[in-house]
Each structure stands twice: as structure tokens, then as C-alpha cells.
């Protein structure tokens, strides 16, 4: 690739960096600071769905650490760059910046096939930050070459606390009970659910979500995985986003979307999970065969995207709350990185628990999500599900997340904590 083109790209992107990092509205993210890890040559991989804030975070971190060179490999002028020419980036940085950077930031690295060897060579003398919109970016050759010489962070769209920070609203959970502040927080929560957590949606409005969705589907999925049947792939994505917080099977996806082979439905669903737009929970069972063969539950990475893209979406606040809790649990488990696993639970009588957290071989917490327990039928269903699972699995940490109900109830000599969604999100 022509060095002058590479230099032009880097020069243009430097101007963009100045705008991004010069923005007084830069929002701090609730992620453990990895600076200590990068005190010596190493690799930090920041992974997450497109446009969730990876680039901004990577740039802010690099500026904090010292002299850096940056390139966004999603730039169309660099399309098709072979891995053998990645070395030209260093030469271009030297000419444009007047120095060789100590830190290099390679944004959306998955756009260059075979990038692993270049990054492995660079990390021997430099601190390297890479970002990628693919959940399995670090599998395969890179992990083999590095043998533990990297750390990965998984980013999500804004959490509720990050969203409140963007609104200059600092919530102290110990001081909001029974105050007017709680009603203001609930109003913010309604907006957060409707608009979602993608940073641009709160700057440009919810209409940008359709553009983000199309970019993810086209650039990260269809083009990268060379999907030929684009229409069917889009139908699978639309089906999953329209049936959020519900069970699904690959056979049903295939049948509804007119696919003759359920393996194709499975492959398309896997790709949609890898690019970060969906994630799936397996039904918990001590028998792995039952776990793998049972229906999965589908969740979208962003509630605002559900409202913008989903077909025939009902105003089911309970399902939206469940999707939001699923994303938040995924975020918390990812940030802790303590080996916790997330499932849902269901028995032969259809008693169900929305979320089951397993850690160190034991069930540590059972969580239900419902808008309200005022309806007696709903109350019985949610409580009975928790009690059945608690008895079968030996777990006493029981919780029901509601919109605004808060108390501790004591059925069958157990205690169940009812907690409002906004308080749980702020914990």
C-alpha cells in the first residue's frame, strides 16, 4: 500500500483524535484501570460491539500513558491492507509525528487478516492497545503466540451509572430512598431503557441506532464472514431482536426464516453473537447434554436498539427490564472476571428463574425480573419459581427485581429480597 495514503489517513485521524479527546463531555467508564498492566511492553485488547466507546477509551488511556500512534483500520482507504504491510504504519507515524511512538493503538484490528504476528512482534518493544468488534478476536493464533502476554477488557454500551454521569447526575444510593431524587432517577431510567446505552444515541438521538445496527450487520457480519444469503441473514437477526428475552431453538429460527437447514440458522446466530449484537443464555442443568439440547434465551446488547429495529415490539416493560438486567449481569461478570457463569433455569413443570449465577461449581444467586408483583398470578409464578429452584439447587440468595417495589418477604422460611431496578443498577 502506498505510504503516502497511509500517512494521509494517519494525519486525518489525528485531527479526529484532537476533537474526541478535547471534548469536555468525555465520560469516564466504569472499567478497572489497566494502566499498571501496560507499564511494560504488553498487549491490551479492548473488545465489544461496534460504537460502544472502545476507541474513545483506548485513546484516553494511550494519552494518559505517553507518546502514542493511532490508526483506525476501519477507514475505507485502508481496506484490503495485507498484514505484511502493517509495518508501514510505524514508518508513517515516524514521518507524521516526528518520532517513533512508545504506544501503538490499532483500532478495529479484525479488518486486517493475519494481524496477529505483527502485533506479537510489536509487543516485544512497545505497549500495544488493540480494539475489535469480535468476541473471539483473541482465539486461535494470537493466544498461542502470546502465551499469556495480553489482557482483555470487554466493553458494553453505557451502563446506567455511566449514562447518569453523561447527564451530570450523580446518584448516591444511600441518600435517595423516599426522596424526590428517586423519582428523577426513575425518569432517567425510562429514558435509558428507551434510548439505550450507545453513546451517540444520547448525542444525536435514537435514530442513529438504525445506522449503527446496519453497520454491525453489514461490516462486522456479512462482509467479514462473506455471507452470501444476505436477506436470510437479516431475517435471522430481525427474528432474534424481535423475540428478545425469550427462548428460541435453531429449528424454530430456521422454520420461521425459511431456512432448510437448522445448521445454517445456528451458524448465523453464532455470527450475530460474535459481532456483539446478541448474546445467548443456556438453560442450566447438571447434565451437559440437557444443557446443550435445551432452548436458549436471546438478549440484545441494547434496549434502545430493540425499540428501533425490532418488529412488532410490544410495550412489555417486564421483558425490557429482563433484557437490561441480562446485559448488566454480563457486564458485571465480565468486569469481575472471577469465573462466574450466567444461565437461566427451568424445570419439567415450566417453573422458571430468569437468571442463575454459578461460581466455583455452586449456585451463588437466583434472580427474577418482573415489572410488578401486585398481580397475584404474577406474584405466585415468580416466587414459586425461585422457591423450586432454591430447593433443587441449594441456593438461598434469592432476589426479585421490580420497577419500584422494595421489601423482604419470607415464604417457606426463606427470605426473598425485592429491589427496585434503579437501585439494583446503582449497586
Protein backbone atom coordinates (compact mmCIF):
# COMPACT_ATOMS: atom_id res chain seq x y z
CA UNK A 1 0.00 0.00 0.00
CA UNK A 2 1.23 3.49 -0.90
CA UNK A 3 2.95 5.06 2.11
CA UNK A 4 1.53 8.48 1.22
CA UNK A 5 -2.00 7.12 1.55
CA UNK A 6 -1.18 5.67 4.96
CA UNK A 7 0.35 8.99 6.07
CA UNK A 8 -2.72 10.87 4.86
CA UNK A 9 -5.03 8.55 6.80
CA UNK A 10 -2.97 8.96 9.97
CA UNK A 11 -2.86 12.75 9.57
CA UNK A 12 -6.62 12.96 9.05
CA UNK A 13 -7.25 10.74 12.05
CA UNK A 14 -5.01 12.86 14.27
CA UNK A 15 -7.43 15.75 13.70
CA UNK A 16 -10.30 13.47 14.75
CA UNK A 17 -8.38 12.45 17.88
CA UNK A 18 -7.96 16.07 18.92
CA UNK A 19 -11.72 16.55 18.64
CA UNK A 20 -12.52 13.39 20.61
CA UNK A 21 -10.01 13.94 23.41
CA UNK A 22 -10.65 17.66 23.55
CA UNK A 23 -14.33 17.13 24.27
CA UNK A 24 -15.12 18.27 27.80
CA UNK A 25 -18.02 15.81 27.83
CA UNK A 26 -15.73 12.76 27.73
CA UNK A 27 -17.42 10.28 30.07
CA UNK A 28 -15.37 8.17 32.47
CA UNK A 29 -16.15 4.46 32.09
CA UNK A 30 -16.65 2.08 35.00
CA UNK A 31 -13.83 -0.25 34.00
CA UNK A 32 -10.82 -1.33 36.04
CA UNK A 33 -7.82 0.79 35.04
CA UNK A 34 -5.39 -1.42 33.09
CA UNK A 35 -2.56 1.16 33.13
CA UNK A 36 -0.49 -0.86 35.59
CA UNK A 37 -0.50 -3.81 33.22
CA UNK A 38 0.89 -1.61 30.42
CA UNK A 39 3.85 -0.28 32.37
CA UNK A 40 6.00 -2.60 30.25
CA UNK A 41 5.62 -3.98 26.70
CA UNK A 42 2.36 -5.86 26.58
CA UNK A 43 -0.93 -6.05 24.73
CA UNK A 44 -4.28 -4.76 25.91
CA UNK A 45 -7.25 -5.93 23.84
CA UNK A 46 -10.47 -3.92 24.20
CA UNK A 47 -13.36 -5.91 22.80
CA UNK A 48 -17.00 -5.01 22.33
CA UNK A 49 -19.79 -4.23 19.92
CA UNK A 50 -19.15 -1.50 17.35
CA UNK A 51 -19.64 2.10 18.58
CA UNK A 52 -19.84 1.25 22.28
CA UNK A 53 -16.93 3.58 23.09
CA UNK A 54 -13.86 1.35 22.62
CA UNK A 55 -11.93 3.87 20.51
CA UNK A 56 -12.50 6.76 22.88
CA UNK A 57 -11.46 4.67 25.86
CA UNK A 58 -8.35 3.39 24.07
CA UNK A 59 -7.30 6.90 23.04
CA UNK A 60 -7.83 8.37 26.51
CA UNK A 61 -5.79 5.55 28.02
CA UNK A 62 -2.98 5.91 25.48
CA UNK A 63 -2.76 9.67 26.07
CA UNK A 64 -2.51 9.03 29.80
CA UNK A 65 0.36 6.57 29.30
CA UNK A 66 2.57 8.64 26.99
CA UNK A 67 3.54 9.09 23.34
CA UNK A 68 1.27 7.09 21.06
CA UNK A 69 0.47 6.39 17.45
CA UNK A 70 -3.12 5.62 16.41
CA UNK A 71 -4.79 4.23 13.34
CA UNK A 72 -8.40 3.26 12.75
CA UNK A 73 -8.30 0.27 10.40
CA UNK A 74 -11.99 0.70 9.64
CA UNK A 75 -11.02 3.55 7.29
CA UNK A 76 -12.06 2.66 3.74
CA UNK A 77 -8.72 3.93 2.38
CA UNK A 78 -7.02 1.09 4.23
CA UNK A 79 -9.46 -1.56 3.04
CA UNK A 80 -7.67 -4.67 1.89
CA UNK A 81 -4.38 -3.82 3.59
CA UNK A 82 -2.45 -7.09 3.94
CA UNK A 83 -0.83 -7.93 7.25
CA UNK A 84 2.58 -7.89 5.55
CA UNK A 85 2.21 -4.09 5.11
CA UNK A 86 1.24 -3.25 8.68
CA UNK A 87 4.88 -2.32 9.26
CA UNK A 88 4.31 0.74 7.06
CA UNK A 89 2.22 2.18 9.91
CA UNK A 90 5.35 2.60 12.03
CA UNK A 91 7.15 4.37 9.21
CA UNK A 92 4.14 6.63 8.65
CA UNK A 93 3.90 7.50 12.36
CA UNK A 94 7.59 8.46 12.42
CA UNK A 95 7.15 10.80 9.45
CA UNK A 96 3.83 12.32 10.59
CA UNK A 97 4.56 12.56 14.32
CA UNK A 98 8.30 13.22 14.01
CA UNK A 99 9.06 10.37 16.38
CA UNK A 100 8.50 6.65 16.86
CA UNK A 101 5.64 6.19 19.33
CA UNK A 102 6.10 4.19 22.52
CA UNK A 103 2.48 3.04 22.45
CA UNK A 104 0.53 1.99 19.38
CA UNK A 105 -3.25 1.84 19.15
CA UNK A 106 -4.70 -0.36 16.42
CA UNK A 107 -8.43 0.29 16.21
CA UNK A 108 -10.77 -2.38 14.74
CA UNK A 109 -7.83 -4.68 14.11
CA UNK A 110 -10.05 -7.51 12.85
CA UNK A 111 -10.22 -5.72 9.49
CA UNK A 112 -6.71 -6.97 8.66
CA UNK A 113 -6.42 -10.70 8.22
CA UNK A 114 -3.32 -12.22 9.80
CA UNK A 115 -2.69 -9.24 12.09
CA UNK A 116 -1.60 -11.49 14.98
CA UNK A 117 2.06 -11.89 14.02
CA UNK A 118 2.58 -8.14 13.55
CA UNK A 119 1.07 -7.38 16.94
CA UNK A 120 3.12 -10.13 18.56
CA UNK A 121 6.31 -8.60 17.11
CA UNK A 122 5.36 -5.06 18.18
CA UNK A 123 4.59 -6.00 21.77
CA UNK A 124 8.22 -7.06 22.34
CA UNK A 125 9.34 -3.42 22.33
CA UNK A 126 6.12 -1.40 22.62
CA UNK A 127 2.93 -1.23 24.57
CA UNK A 128 0.13 -2.20 22.22
CA UNK A 129 -3.58 -1.46 22.51
CA UNK A 130 -5.92 -3.15 20.06
CA UNK A 131 -9.68 -2.88 19.75
CA UNK A 132 -12.01 -5.25 18.00
CA UNK A 133 -15.69 -5.82 17.36
CA UNK A 134 -15.47 -9.58 17.56
CA UNK A 135 -15.96 -11.63 20.70
CA UNK A 136 -13.47 -14.30 19.59
CA UNK A 137 -10.73 -11.94 18.44
CA UNK A 138 -8.22 -13.47 20.83
CA UNK A 139 -8.79 -17.08 19.95
CA UNK A 140 -6.50 -19.07 17.71
CA UNK A 141 -3.02 -17.96 16.69
CA UNK A 142 -2.72 -14.89 18.93
CA UNK A 143 -3.29 -16.73 22.20
CA UNK A 144 -0.84 -19.42 21.04
CA UNK A 145 1.90 -16.88 20.23
CA UNK A 146 1.44 -14.73 23.32
CA UNK A 147 1.13 -17.42 26.00
CA UNK A 148 -0.49 -15.07 28.49
CA UNK A 149 1.21 -11.82 27.46
CA UNK A 150 -2.03 -9.95 26.98
CA UNK A 151 -5.07 -8.82 28.93
CA UNK A 152 -8.54 -8.32 27.52
CA UNK A 153 -11.30 -5.92 28.55
CA UNK A 154 -14.88 -6.35 27.36
CA UNK A 155 -16.76 -3.10 26.84
CA UNK A 156 -20.50 -2.61 26.63
CA UNK A 157 -22.61 0.42 25.76
CA UNK A 158 -23.12 2.82 28.67
CA UNK A 159 -24.24 1.27 31.95
CA UNK A 160 -26.95 3.16 33.83
CA UNK A 161 -24.35 4.77 36.10
CA UNK A 162 -22.32 5.87 33.07
CA UNK A 163 -25.49 7.20 31.46
CA UNK A 164 -26.29 9.23 34.60
CA UNK A 165 -22.74 10.57 34.55
CA UNK A 166 -23.27 11.73 30.97
CA UNK A 167 -26.30 13.67 32.24
CA UNK A 168 -24.21 15.18 35.07
CA UNK A 169 -26.43 13.38 37.56
CA UNK A 170 -24.53 11.77 40.42
CA UNK A 171 -26.74 9.35 42.35
CA UNK A 172 -25.88 8.41 45.93
CA UNK A 173 -27.85 5.22 46.56
CA UNK A 174 -27.71 5.73 50.34
CA UNK A 175 -29.50 9.08 50.12
CA UNK A 176 -32.23 8.58 47.54
CA UNK A 177 -34.75 6.41 49.40
CA UNK A 178 -38.03 8.22 49.87
CA UNK A 179 -36.74 11.42 48.30
CA UNK A 180 -37.67 13.35 45.18
CA UNK A 181 -34.34 12.22 43.78
CA UNK A 182 -35.69 8.69 43.34
CA UNK A 183 -38.45 9.89 41.01
CA UNK A 184 -35.89 11.80 38.95
CA UNK A 185 -33.74 8.68 38.74
CA UNK A 186 -36.72 6.61 37.57
CA UNK A 187 -37.39 9.20 34.87
CA UNK A 188 -33.77 8.90 33.77
CA UNK A 189 -34.14 5.11 33.81
CA UNK A 190 -37.14 5.30 31.47
CA UNK A 191 -35.06 7.36 29.05
CA UNK A 192 -32.12 4.97 29.40
CA UNK A 193 -34.31 1.97 28.56
CA UNK A 194 -35.91 3.72 25.58
CA UNK A 195 -32.72 5.20 24.11
CA UNK A 196 -30.24 2.56 25.24
CA UNK A 197 -26.59 2.92 26.11
CA UNK A 198 -24.83 3.66 22.83
CA UNK A 199 -23.07 7.00 23.48
CA UNK A 200 -24.02 8.50 20.11
CA UNK A 201 -27.71 7.87 20.72
CA UNK A 202 -27.66 10.34 23.61
CA UNK A 203 -25.94 12.95 21.45
CA UNK A 204 -27.63 12.50 18.08
CA UNK A 205 -30.91 10.88 19.16
CA UNK A 206 -32.29 7.37 18.85
CA UNK A 207 -32.44 7.47 15.05
CA UNK A 208 -28.68 6.83 14.92
CA UNK A 209 -29.32 3.33 16.29
CA UNK A 210 -30.64 2.14 12.93
CA UNK A 211 -27.37 3.26 11.32
CA UNK A 212 -25.27 1.53 13.98
CA UNK A 213 -27.31 -1.66 13.58
CA UNK A 214 -26.86 -1.65 9.80
CA UNK A 215 -23.10 -1.09 10.15
CA UNK A 216 -22.78 -4.02 12.55
CA UNK A 217 -24.82 -6.33 10.34
CA UNK A 218 -23.07 -5.32 7.10
CA UNK A 219 -19.45 -4.59 8.08
CA UNK A 220 -18.88 -6.85 11.06
CA UNK A 221 -21.04 -9.78 9.98
CA UNK A 222 -21.98 -10.00 6.29
CA UNK A 223 -18.75 -8.68 4.76
CA UNK A 224 -16.32 -10.12 7.29
CA UNK A 225 -17.86 -13.60 7.23
CA UNK A 226 -18.60 -13.46 3.50
CA UNK A 227 -22.27 -14.27 3.93
CA UNK A 228 -23.90 -14.84 0.58
CA UNK A 229 -27.57 -15.01 1.56
CA UNK A 230 -27.87 -11.52 2.99
CA UNK A 231 -31.66 -11.49 3.00
CA UNK A 232 -31.92 -14.62 5.13
CA UNK A 233 -29.18 -13.43 7.46
CA UNK A 234 -31.06 -10.17 8.03
CA UNK A 235 -34.24 -12.13 8.71
CA UNK A 236 -32.50 -14.20 11.39
CA UNK A 237 -31.20 -11.02 13.05
CA UNK A 238 -34.65 -9.41 12.90
CA UNK A 239 -36.27 -12.52 14.37
CA UNK A 240 -33.86 -12.59 17.32
CA UNK A 241 -34.16 -8.88 18.09
CA UNK A 242 -37.96 -9.10 17.90
CA UNK A 243 -38.03 -12.05 20.30
CA UNK A 244 -35.68 -10.68 22.92
CA UNK A 245 -35.78 -12.13 26.44
CA UNK A 246 -37.46 -15.27 25.11
CA UNK A 247 -36.47 -18.86 24.49
CA UNK A 248 -35.58 -19.96 20.97
CA UNK A 249 -34.27 -23.00 19.15
CA UNK A 250 -32.30 -23.13 15.94
CA UNK A 251 -35.01 -25.34 14.45
CA UNK A 252 -37.63 -22.66 15.09
CA UNK A 253 -35.38 -19.91 13.71
CA UNK A 254 -34.86 -21.99 10.57
CA UNK A 255 -38.59 -22.66 10.19
CA UNK A 256 -39.68 -19.04 10.69
CA UNK A 257 -36.95 -17.65 8.41
CA UNK A 258 -37.45 -20.24 5.67
CA UNK A 259 -34.08 -21.95 6.11
CA UNK A 260 -33.99 -25.61 5.10
CA UNK A 261 -31.02 -26.48 7.32
CA UNK A 262 -31.03 -25.64 11.04
CA UNK A 263 -27.22 -25.71 10.98
CA UNK A 264 -27.31 -22.54 8.90
CA UNK A 265 -29.62 -20.92 11.47
CA UNK A 266 -27.15 -21.98 14.16
CA UNK A 267 -24.19 -20.54 12.23
CA UNK A 268 -25.95 -17.23 11.55
CA UNK A 269 -26.92 -16.96 15.23
CA UNK A 270 -23.32 -17.67 16.27
CA UNK A 271 -22.02 -14.90 14.00
CA UNK A 272 -24.53 -12.43 15.43
CA UNK A 273 -23.25 -13.29 18.88
CA UNK A 274 -19.60 -12.94 17.85
CA UNK A 275 -20.11 -9.42 16.48
CA UNK A 276 -21.62 -8.46 19.83
CA UNK A 277 -25.18 -7.57 18.94
CA UNK A 278 -26.74 -10.57 20.73
CA UNK A 279 -25.79 -12.97 23.46
CA UNK A 280 -27.48 -16.18 24.49
CA UNK A 281 -28.03 -17.91 27.79
CA UNK A 282 -28.17 -21.66 28.13
CA UNK A 283 -30.67 -23.40 30.39
CA UNK A 284 -28.83 -24.64 33.47
CA UNK A 285 -28.65 -28.37 34.04
CA UNK A 286 -26.07 -30.51 35.83
CA UNK A 287 -26.26 -32.76 32.77
CA UNK A 288 -24.36 -31.12 29.92
CA UNK A 289 -26.36 -32.96 27.25
CA UNK A 290 -29.60 -31.48 28.58
CA UNK A 291 -27.99 -28.07 28.83
CA UNK A 292 -26.80 -28.09 25.22
CA UNK A 293 -30.02 -29.51 23.78
CA UNK A 294 -32.43 -27.22 25.62
CA UNK A 295 -33.70 -23.93 24.13
CA UNK A 296 -31.52 -20.87 24.65
CA UNK A 297 -32.66 -17.36 25.59
CA UNK A 298 -31.72 -14.43 23.36
CA UNK A 299 -30.83 -10.94 24.56
CA UNK A 300 -29.87 -7.86 22.57
CA UNK A 301 -26.89 -5.80 23.70
CA UNK A 302 -29.02 -2.62 23.84
CA UNK A 303 -32.67 -1.94 24.72
CA UNK A 304 -32.72 1.19 22.53
CA UNK A 305 -31.76 -0.93 19.54
CA UNK A 306 -34.61 -3.32 20.30
CA UNK A 307 -37.10 -0.45 20.13
CA UNK A 308 -35.55 0.94 16.95
CA UNK A 309 -35.14 -2.28 14.98
CA UNK A 310 -37.46 -4.92 16.42
CA UNK A 311 -40.59 -5.86 14.51
CA UNK A 312 -43.96 -5.69 16.26
CA UNK A 313 -42.34 -4.86 19.61
CA UNK A 314 -44.90 -4.72 22.39
CA UNK A 315 -44.68 -2.35 25.33
CA UNK A 316 -43.77 -5.19 27.68
CA UNK A 317 -41.78 -3.37 30.31
CA UNK A 318 -41.03 -6.63 32.11
CA UNK A 319 -39.23 -8.10 29.08
CA UNK A 320 -37.31 -4.86 28.52
CA UNK A 321 -36.26 -4.88 32.17
CA UNK A 322 -35.16 -8.50 31.83
CA UNK A 323 -33.03 -7.69 28.79
CA UNK A 324 -31.47 -4.75 30.62
CA UNK A 325 -30.67 -6.91 33.65
CA UNK A 326 -29.15 -9.59 31.39
CA UNK A 327 -26.78 -7.03 29.84
CA UNK A 328 -25.86 -5.60 33.24
CA UNK A 329 -25.16 -9.06 34.65
CA UNK A 330 -22.97 -9.80 31.64
CA UNK A 331 -21.10 -6.54 32.24
CA UNK A 332 -20.57 -7.23 35.94
CA UNK A 333 -19.42 -10.80 35.42
CA UNK A 334 -17.04 -9.66 32.68
CA UNK A 335 -15.58 -6.91 34.87
CA UNK A 336 -15.10 -9.23 37.84
CA UNK A 337 -13.51 -11.96 35.73
CA UNK A 338 -13.86 -14.35 38.66
CA UNK A 339 -15.12 -17.38 36.77
CA UNK A 340 -18.81 -16.69 37.35
CA UNK A 341 -21.22 -18.09 34.77
CA UNK A 342 -24.71 -16.92 33.83
CA UNK A 343 -27.65 -19.21 32.95
CA UNK A 344 -31.41 -19.38 33.19
CA UNK A 345 -33.29 -22.21 34.90
CA UNK A 346 -36.46 -24.11 34.05
CA UNK A 347 -37.87 -27.42 35.23
CA UNK A 348 -40.20 -30.02 33.69
CA UNK A 349 -43.27 -28.23 35.14
CA UNK A 350 -42.21 -24.97 33.40
CA UNK A 351 -41.30 -23.24 36.64
CA UNK A 352 -38.61 -20.73 35.62
CA UNK A 353 -35.96 -18.43 37.05
CA UNK A 354 -34.69 -15.69 34.78
CA UNK A 355 -31.05 -15.69 35.91
CA UNK A 356 -28.85 -18.17 37.71
CA UNK A 357 -25.28 -17.28 38.63
CA UNK A 358 -22.85 -20.15 39.13
CA UNK A 359 -19.43 -19.71 40.69
CA UNK A 360 -16.84 -22.26 41.81
CA UNK A 361 -19.18 -25.12 40.99
CA UNK A 362 -22.04 -23.83 43.18
CA UNK A 363 -25.13 -21.71 42.50
CA UNK A 364 -24.48 -18.36 44.17
CA UNK A 365 -27.59 -16.35 43.25
CA UNK A 366 -31.06 -16.69 41.69
CA UNK A 367 -32.75 -13.62 40.21
CA UNK A 368 -36.23 -12.98 38.83
CA UNK A 369 -37.20 -9.85 36.91
CA UNK A 370 -40.77 -8.58 36.68
CA UNK A 371 -42.34 -5.16 36.39
CA UNK A 372 -44.60 -5.66 39.42
CA UNK A 373 -45.78 -8.31 41.86
CA UNK A 374 -49.15 -6.67 42.50
CA UNK A 375 -50.93 -9.17 40.29
CA UNK A 376 -51.44 -12.31 42.40
CA UNK A 377 -50.85 -14.69 39.49
CA UNK A 378 -47.57 -13.00 38.62
CA UNK A 379 -46.53 -12.94 42.27
CA UNK A 380 -47.20 -16.67 42.67
CA UNK A 381 -45.33 -17.53 39.44
CA UNK A 382 -42.21 -15.53 40.28
CA UNK A 383 -41.99 -16.66 43.90
CA UNK A 384 -42.79 -20.31 43.17
CA UNK A 385 -40.05 -20.40 40.52
CA UNK A 386 -37.48 -19.08 42.98
CA UNK A 387 -38.55 -21.49 45.73
CA UNK A 388 -38.42 -24.53 43.44
CA UNK A 389 -35.00 -23.60 42.10
CA UNK A 390 -33.76 -22.77 45.59
CA UNK A 391 -34.81 -26.16 46.92
CA UNK A 392 -33.41 -28.11 43.98
CA UNK A 393 -30.12 -26.22 43.68
CA UNK A 394 -29.41 -25.39 47.31
CA UNK A 395 -29.21 -21.63 46.82
CA UNK A 396 -30.58 -19.20 49.42
CA UNK A 397 -29.56 -15.91 47.76
CA UNK A 398 -32.91 -15.04 46.17
CA UNK A 399 -33.86 -11.77 44.54
CA UNK A 400 -36.74 -10.28 42.55
CA UNK A 401 -36.00 -7.08 40.62
CA UNK A 402 -39.12 -4.93 40.13
CA UNK A 403 -39.78 -1.45 38.84
CA UNK A 404 -40.47 0.17 42.19
CA UNK A 405 -41.32 -2.41 44.89
CA UNK A 406 -38.95 -2.93 47.78
CA UNK A 407 -39.26 -5.27 50.74
CA UNK A 408 -38.10 -8.61 52.09
CA UNK A 409 -40.64 -11.43 52.02
CA UNK A 410 -40.39 -14.73 53.89
CA UNK A 411 -42.16 -17.58 52.08
CA UNK A 412 -41.44 -21.13 53.29
CA UNK A 413 -38.90 -19.92 55.85
CA UNK A 414 -36.74 -18.39 53.12
CA UNK A 415 -36.16 -14.71 52.51
CA UNK A 416 -36.51 -13.06 49.10
CA UNK A 417 -35.27 -9.54 48.50
CA UNK A 418 -37.47 -7.34 46.33
CA UNK A 419 -35.43 -4.47 44.95
CA UNK A 420 -36.28 -1.66 42.50
CA UNK A 421 -34.44 -1.83 39.20
CA UNK A 422 -32.78 1.57 39.60
CA UNK A 423 -31.33 0.59 42.99
CA UNK A 424 -30.02 -2.71 41.68
CA UNK A 425 -28.40 -0.96 38.71
CA UNK A 426 -26.70 1.54 41.03
CA UNK A 427 -25.32 -1.08 43.42
